[in-house]
Amino acid sequence: MSKHEIPSLLAGISDIRGSMVIQDGAVISKSGEMTNSDSLAANFIKLVNVGVSEQIIPGEPFQTININYIDECTYTVAVAGKKIYIVKRRPLNRDESDDTASPVTTFPTTNASVAQ
């Protein structure tokens, strides 16, 4: 997947509120509600570094991490190559009894590795 295909992939998400792309510790792209969220970048980098360091589940690299803030928003974080992709979406609205609802976004799968 080329770098030009990612923005079109993100644009195809119907409930997107913003997005951010981080590479080598720097924000290289941001849109929507994430245009003023530079302070969040460092926190997402820390989160990804914990995920790829096998501190969560040894031997199981993550594909995406979803962070749900009830009634606020959902962040989906993924690593592809040396880039971190973050998508901010509307809150997950689901029936309390439905455990199958998911705001998962599919990103390209690669070996997760982030250099600092």
Protein backbone atom coordinates (compact mmCIF):
# COMPACT_ATOMS: atom_id res chain seq x y z
CA MET A 1 0.00 0.00 0.00
CA SER A 2 1.45 3.34 -1.03
CA LYS A 3 1.47 6.52 1.04
CA HIS A 4 -1.10 7.98 -1.35
CA GLU A 5 -3.59 5.18 -0.68
CA ILE A 6 -3.79 5.80 3.09
CA PRO A 7 -5.62 9.18 2.90
CA SER A 8 -8.21 7.67 0.56
CA LEU A 9 -8.61 4.71 2.94
CA LEU A 10 -9.15 7.09 5.86
CA ALA A 11 -11.56 9.24 3.82
CA GLY A 12 -13.69 6.14 3.27
CA ILE A 13 -14.48 5.81 6.99
CA SER A 14 -18.00 7.16 7.38
CA ASP A 15 -17.91 8.23 11.03
CA ILE A 16 -14.38 9.66 11.13
CA ARG A 17 -13.88 12.82 13.16
CA GLY A 18 -10.14 13.19 12.60
CA SER A 19 -6.90 11.39 11.87
CA MET A 20 -3.19 11.66 12.55
CA VAL A 21 -0.13 9.98 11.08
CA ILE A 22 3.13 9.86 13.06
CA GLN A 23 6.52 8.84 11.69
CA ASP A 24 9.85 8.89 13.53
CA GLY A 25 8.24 10.67 16.48
CA ALA A 26 6.85 13.55 14.41
CA VAL A 27 3.32 14.25 13.26
CA ILE A 28 3.41 14.17 9.46
CA SER A 29 -0.32 14.45 8.79
CA LYS A 30 -3.43 15.42 10.72
CA SER A 31 -7.02 16.24 9.87
CA GLY A 32 -10.41 17.05 11.36
CA GLU A 33 -10.67 17.20 15.13
CA MET A 34 -7.07 16.04 15.46
CA THR A 35 -5.54 19.15 13.85
CA ASN A 36 -4.93 20.69 17.29
CA SER A 37 -3.91 17.44 19.00
CA ASP A 38 -0.10 17.56 18.84
CA SER A 39 0.14 16.86 22.57
CA LEU A 40 -1.65 13.53 21.99
CA ALA A 41 1.07 12.34 19.60
CA ALA A 42 3.56 11.65 22.40
CA ASN A 43 0.94 9.65 24.29
CA PHE A 44 0.11 7.55 21.23
CA ILE A 45 3.82 6.90 20.65
CA LYS A 46 4.16 5.66 24.26
CA LEU A 47 1.09 3.45 23.85
CA VAL A 48 2.43 1.89 20.65
CA ASN A 49 5.87 1.32 22.19
CA VAL A 50 4.27 -0.60 25.06
CA GLY A 51 2.24 -2.64 22.58
CA VAL A 52 5.17 -3.58 20.36
CA SER A 53 7.47 -4.31 23.31
CA GLU A 54 5.41 -7.43 24.13
CA GLN A 55 4.57 -6.07 27.59
CA ILE A 56 0.89 -6.76 26.95
CA ILE A 57 0.88 -10.30 25.48
CA PRO A 58 4.34 -11.81 24.85
CA GLY A 59 4.72 -13.23 21.34
CA GLU A 60 1.52 -11.57 20.09
CA PRO A 61 2.15 -8.26 18.25
CA PHE A 62 -0.96 -6.12 18.02
CA GLN A 63 -2.64 -5.13 14.76
CA THR A 64 -4.82 -2.35 16.15
CA ILE A 65 -5.54 -0.85 19.53
CA ASN A 66 -8.99 0.61 20.15
CA ILE A 67 -9.55 3.15 22.92
CA ASN A 68 -13.21 3.81 23.67
CA TYR A 69 -14.36 6.84 25.63
CA ILE A 70 -18.07 6.33 26.29
CA ASP A 71 -20.10 9.22 24.86
CA GLU A 72 -16.91 10.99 23.70
CA CYS A 73 -15.03 9.21 20.92
CA THR A 74 -13.16 6.09 19.86
CA TYR A 75 -9.50 6.10 18.82
CA THR A 76 -8.14 3.33 16.62
CA VAL A 77 -4.34 3.10 16.60
CA ALA A 78 -2.39 0.97 14.11
CA VAL A 79 1.22 0.58 13.03
CA ALA A 80 2.20 -0.02 9.42
CA GLY A 81 5.90 0.03 8.67
CA LYS A 82 7.42 3.00 10.50
CA LYS A 83 4.17 4.95 10.68
CA ILE A 84 1.54 5.14 13.39
CA TYR A 85 -2.00 5.79 12.17
CA ILE A 86 -4.61 7.16 14.56
CA VAL A 87 -8.26 7.59 13.64
CA LYS A 88 -10.70 9.45 15.88
CA ARG A 89 -14.28 8.31 15.35
CA ARG A 90 -17.67 9.09 16.81
CA PRO A 91 -18.45 7.25 20.06
CA LEU A 92 -19.36 3.60 19.80
CA ASN A 93 -23.13 3.47 20.20
CA ARG A 94 -24.34 -0.02 20.82
CA ASP A 95 -26.92 -1.91 22.74
CA GLU A 96 -25.64 -2.80 26.22
CA SER A 97 -26.30 -6.50 25.55
CA ASP A 98 -24.46 -6.55 22.20
CA ASP A 99 -20.83 -7.54 22.78
CA THR A 100 -20.17 -7.96 19.05
CA ALA A 101 -20.32 -4.27 18.08
CA SER A 102 -16.90 -2.95 17.17
CA PRO A 103 -15.47 0.26 15.71
CA VAL A 104 -12.53 -1.64 14.21
CA THR A 105 -10.89 -0.13 11.16
CA THR A 106 -8.77 -2.37 8.94
CA PHE A 107 -5.25 -1.08 8.28
CA PRO A 108 -2.41 -2.65 6.34
CA THR A 109 -0.72 -5.37 8.36
CA THR A 110 3.07 -5.35 8.75
CA ASN A 111 5.50 -6.24 11.49
CA ALA A 112 5.03 -3.62 14.16
CA SER A 113 8.23 -1.76 14.86
CA VAL A 114 8.63 1.80 15.98
CA ALA A 115 12.01 3.46 16.25
CA GLN A 116 12.53 6.33 18.64
